[in-house]
Amino acid sequence: QVQPVESGGGLVQAGGSLTLSCSVSGGTFVGDDMVAWYRQAPGKERGVIATITWDDGSRHYTDSMRGRFTIYRNYHENRAFLHMNGLKFEDTAIYYCSVKRDSVVCWGQGTRVTVSS
């Protein structure tokens, strides 16, 4: 079973930037793994931000997230990333990485991002 591990969260001022990282504990991303970033704000449902296919790097974004968020992967570092620009107070949330492999979706524990206004 794949175990994603997120890192990079923290406290950032509004207007700032942050890059989150996702790796696989004890393993590697492979082939057609689909890596996704989600977030869950207090009192709200978890929602997808973007996805990336590991082998060819093809990316998809939820329309409302397009522009300030960039998903990418570093094949040699074996990590996927979510870069966030122009952070707003409402971006405060727990950010989760998920990996879909062979139709099974596994989730990380999440990393907290707090944006101060």
C-alpha atoms as a PDB file:
ATOM      1  CA  GLN A   1       0.000   0.000   0.000  1.00  0.00           C
ATOM      2  CA  VAL A   2       1.214   3.477  -0.859  1.00  0.00           C
ATOM      3  CA  GLN A   3       1.722   5.892   2.021  1.00  0.00           C
ATOM      4  CA  PRO A   4       1.956   9.518   0.912  1.00  0.00           C
ATOM      5  CA  VAL A   5       3.745  11.938   3.204  1.00  0.00           C
ATOM      6  CA  GLU A   6       3.179  15.676   2.974  1.00  0.00           C
ATOM      7  CA  SER A   7       5.491  18.422   4.177  1.00  0.00           C
ATOM      8  CA  GLY A   8       6.009  22.125   3.786  1.00  0.00           C
ATOM      9  CA  GLY A   9       3.007  23.547   5.574  1.00  0.00           C
ATOM     10  CA  GLY A  10       3.238  26.376   8.031  1.00  0.00           C
ATOM     11  CA  LEU A  11       2.284  29.937   8.799  1.00  0.00           C
ATOM     12  CA  VAL A  12       2.524  32.483   6.004  1.00  0.00           C
ATOM     13  CA  GLN A  13       1.363  36.061   5.605  1.00  0.00           C
ATOM     14  CA  ALA A  14      -1.347  36.933   3.150  1.00  0.00           C
ATOM     15  CA  GLY A  15       0.172  37.534  -0.257  1.00  0.00           C
ATOM     16  CA  GLY A  16       3.014  35.131   0.390  1.00  0.00           C
ATOM     17  CA  SER A  17       3.952  31.872  -1.262  1.00  0.00           C
ATOM     18  CA  LEU A  18       4.433  28.338  -0.083  1.00  0.00           C
ATOM     19  CA  THR A  19       5.431  25.058  -1.681  1.00  0.00           C
ATOM     20  CA  LEU A  20       4.125  21.772  -0.342  1.00  0.00           C
ATOM     21  CA  SER A  21       5.832  18.471  -1.026  1.00  0.00           C
ATOM     22  CA  CYS A  22       4.507  14.931  -1.292  1.00  0.00           C
ATOM     23  CA  SER A  23       6.624  11.804  -1.201  1.00  0.00           C
ATOM     24  CA  VAL A  24       5.937   8.118  -0.684  1.00  0.00           C
ATOM     25  CA  SER A  25       7.050   6.632   2.591  1.00  0.00           C
ATOM     26  CA  GLY A  26       9.314   3.659   2.058  1.00  0.00           C
ATOM     27  CA  GLY A  27       8.766   3.613  -1.661  1.00  0.00           C
ATOM     28  CA  THR A  28       8.541   5.530  -4.896  1.00  0.00           C
ATOM     29  CA  PHE A  29       5.989   6.896  -7.266  1.00  0.00           C
ATOM     30  CA  VAL A  30       5.585   4.605 -10.253  1.00  0.00           C
ATOM     31  CA  GLY A  31       4.138   4.498 -13.726  1.00  0.00           C
ATOM     32  CA  ASP A  32       0.622   5.842 -13.988  1.00  0.00           C
ATOM     33  CA  ASP A  33       0.234   6.841 -10.348  1.00  0.00           C
ATOM     34  CA  MET A  34      -2.093   9.804 -10.140  1.00  0.00           C
ATOM     35  CA  VAL A  35      -1.066  12.273  -7.476  1.00  0.00           C
ATOM     36  CA  ALA A  36      -3.617  14.762  -6.268  1.00  0.00           C
ATOM     37  CA  TRP A  37      -3.623  17.666  -3.859  1.00  0.00           C
ATOM     38  CA  TYR A  38      -6.743  18.351  -1.837  1.00  0.00           C
ATOM     39  CA  ARG A  39      -7.512  20.754   0.932  1.00  0.00           C
ATOM     40  CA  GLN A  40     -10.007  20.937   3.743  1.00  0.00           C
ATOM     41  CA  ALA A  41     -10.748  24.231   5.432  1.00  0.00           C
ATOM     42  CA  PRO A  42     -12.332  24.365   8.888  1.00  0.00           C
ATOM     43  CA  GLY A  43     -15.989  23.447   8.671  1.00  0.00           C
ATOM     44  CA  LYS A  44     -15.813  22.619   4.970  1.00  0.00           C
ATOM     45  CA  GLU A  45     -15.571  19.492   2.883  1.00  0.00           C
ATOM     46  CA  ARG A  46     -12.342  18.266   1.393  1.00  0.00           C
ATOM     47  CA  GLY A  47     -11.967  19.412  -2.191  1.00  0.00           C
ATOM     48  CA  VAL A  48      -9.519  18.680  -4.984  1.00  0.00           C
ATOM     49  CA  ILE A  49      -7.068  21.337  -6.092  1.00  0.00           C
ATOM     50  CA  ALA A  50      -5.132  19.621  -8.852  1.00  0.00           C
ATOM     51  CA  THR A  51      -3.895  16.285 -10.135  1.00  0.00           C
ATOM     52  CA  ILE A  52      -0.792  15.136 -11.940  1.00  0.00           C
ATOM     53  CA  THR A  53      -0.003  11.845 -13.611  1.00  0.00           C
ATOM     54  CA  TRP A  54       3.399  10.649 -12.550  1.00  0.00           C
ATOM     55  CA  ASP A  55       4.770   9.208 -15.777  1.00  0.00           C
ATOM     56  CA  ASP A  56       3.894  11.926 -18.272  1.00  0.00           C
ATOM     57  CA  GLY A  57       3.333  14.859 -15.927  1.00  0.00           C
ATOM     58  CA  SER A  58      -0.075  15.722 -17.358  1.00  0.00           C
ATOM     59  CA  ARG A  59      -1.918  18.111 -15.046  1.00  0.00           C
ATOM     60  CA  HIS A  60      -5.487  19.088 -14.329  1.00  0.00           C
ATOM     61  CA  TYR A  61      -6.812  21.828 -12.080  1.00  0.00           C
ATOM     62  CA  THR A  62     -10.139  22.540 -10.498  1.00  0.00           C
ATOM     63  CA  ASP A  63     -11.291  25.734 -12.232  1.00  0.00           C
ATOM     64  CA  SER A  64     -11.426  27.780  -9.040  1.00  0.00           C
ATOM     65  CA  MET A  65      -7.836  26.824  -8.217  1.00  0.00           C
ATOM     66  CA  ARG A  66      -6.348  27.624 -11.584  1.00  0.00           C
ATOM     67  CA  GLY A  67      -3.883  30.487 -11.583  1.00  0.00           C
ATOM     68  CA  ARG A  68      -2.489  30.716  -8.075  1.00  0.00           C
ATOM     69  CA  PHE A  69      -1.717  27.028  -7.627  1.00  0.00           C
ATOM     70  CA  THR A  70       0.772  24.960  -9.600  1.00  0.00           C
ATOM     71  CA  ILE A  71       1.172  21.206  -9.315  1.00  0.00           C
ATOM     72  CA  TYR A  72       4.347  19.617 -10.598  1.00  0.00           C
ATOM     73  CA  ARG A  73       6.619  16.716  -9.952  1.00  0.00           C
ATOM     74  CA  ASN A  74      10.337  16.176  -9.832  1.00  0.00           C
ATOM     75  CA  TYR A  75      10.965  12.784 -11.331  1.00  0.00           C
ATOM     76  CA  HIS A  76      14.493  12.469  -9.980  1.00  0.00           C
ATOM     77  CA  GLU A  77      13.626  13.632  -6.464  1.00  0.00           C
ATOM     78  CA  ASN A  78      10.598  11.355  -6.518  1.00  0.00           C
ATOM     79  CA  ARG A  79       8.393  14.108  -5.144  1.00  0.00           C
ATOM     80  CA  ALA A  80       5.269  15.906  -6.184  1.00  0.00           C
ATOM     81  CA  PHE A  81       4.728  19.528  -5.262  1.00  0.00           C
ATOM     82  CA  LEU A  82       2.047  22.122  -4.919  1.00  0.00           C
ATOM     83  CA  HIS A  83       3.266  25.691  -5.259  1.00  0.00           C
ATOM     84  CA  MET A  84       0.895  28.352  -4.006  1.00  0.00           C
ATOM     85  CA  ASN A  85       1.152  32.064  -4.794  1.00  0.00           C
ATOM     86  CA  GLY A  86      -0.732  35.055  -3.545  1.00  0.00           C
ATOM     87  CA  LEU A  87      -2.034  33.238  -0.516  1.00  0.00           C
ATOM     88  CA  LYS A  88      -5.232  34.501   1.052  1.00  0.00           C
ATOM     89  CA  PHE A  89      -6.727  34.050   4.478  1.00  0.00           C
ATOM     90  CA  GLU A  90      -9.307  31.709   2.957  1.00  0.00           C
ATOM     91  CA  ASP A  91      -6.528  29.375   1.781  1.00  0.00           C
ATOM     92  CA  THR A  92      -6.066  28.378   5.406  1.00  0.00           C
ATOM     93  CA  ALA A  93      -6.673  24.632   5.467  1.00  0.00           C
ATOM     94  CA  ILE A  94      -5.140  21.233   5.875  1.00  0.00           C
ATOM     95  CA  TYR A  95      -3.635  20.182   2.573  1.00  0.00           C
ATOM     96  CA  TYR A  96      -3.606  16.517   1.652  1.00  0.00           C
ATOM     97  CA  CYS A  97      -1.745  14.519  -0.935  1.00  0.00           C
ATOM     98  CA  SER A  98      -3.366  11.416  -2.345  1.00  0.00           C
ATOM     99  CA  VAL A  99      -1.987   8.750  -4.635  1.00  0.00           C
ATOM    100  CA  LYS A 100      -4.192   6.604  -6.839  1.00  0.00           C
ATOM    101  CA  ARG A 101      -2.523   3.377  -7.869  1.00  0.00           C
ATOM    102  CA  ASP A 102      -4.314   0.424  -9.416  1.00  0.00           C
ATOM    103  CA  SER A 103      -7.677   2.024  -8.593  1.00  0.00           C
ATOM    104  CA  VAL A 104      -6.786   2.319  -4.897  1.00  0.00           C
ATOM    105  CA  VAL A 105      -6.519   5.800  -3.388  1.00  0.00           C
ATOM    106  CA  CYS A 106      -4.249   6.324  -0.413  1.00  0.00           C
ATOM    107  CA  TRP A 107      -4.073   9.498   1.627  1.00  0.00           C
ATOM    108  CA  GLY A 108      -1.403  11.263   3.585  1.00  0.00           C
ATOM    109  CA  GLN A 109      -1.946  12.724   7.020  1.00  0.00           C
ATOM    110  CA  GLY A 110      -2.046  16.260   5.710  1.00  0.00           C
ATOM    111  CA  THR A 111      -0.024  19.384   6.332  1.00  0.00           C
ATOM    112  CA  ARG A 112      -1.532  22.501   7.841  1.00  0.00           C
ATOM    113  CA  VAL A 113      -1.302  25.842   6.083  1.00  0.00           C
ATOM    114  CA  THR A 114      -2.287  28.937   8.003  1.00  0.00           C
ATOM    115  CA  VAL A 115      -2.476  32.274   6.238  1.00  0.00           C
ATOM    116  CA  SER A 116      -2.442  35.321   8.471  1.00  0.00           C
ATOM    117  CA  SER A 117      -4.374  38.337   7.295  1.00  0.00           C
END
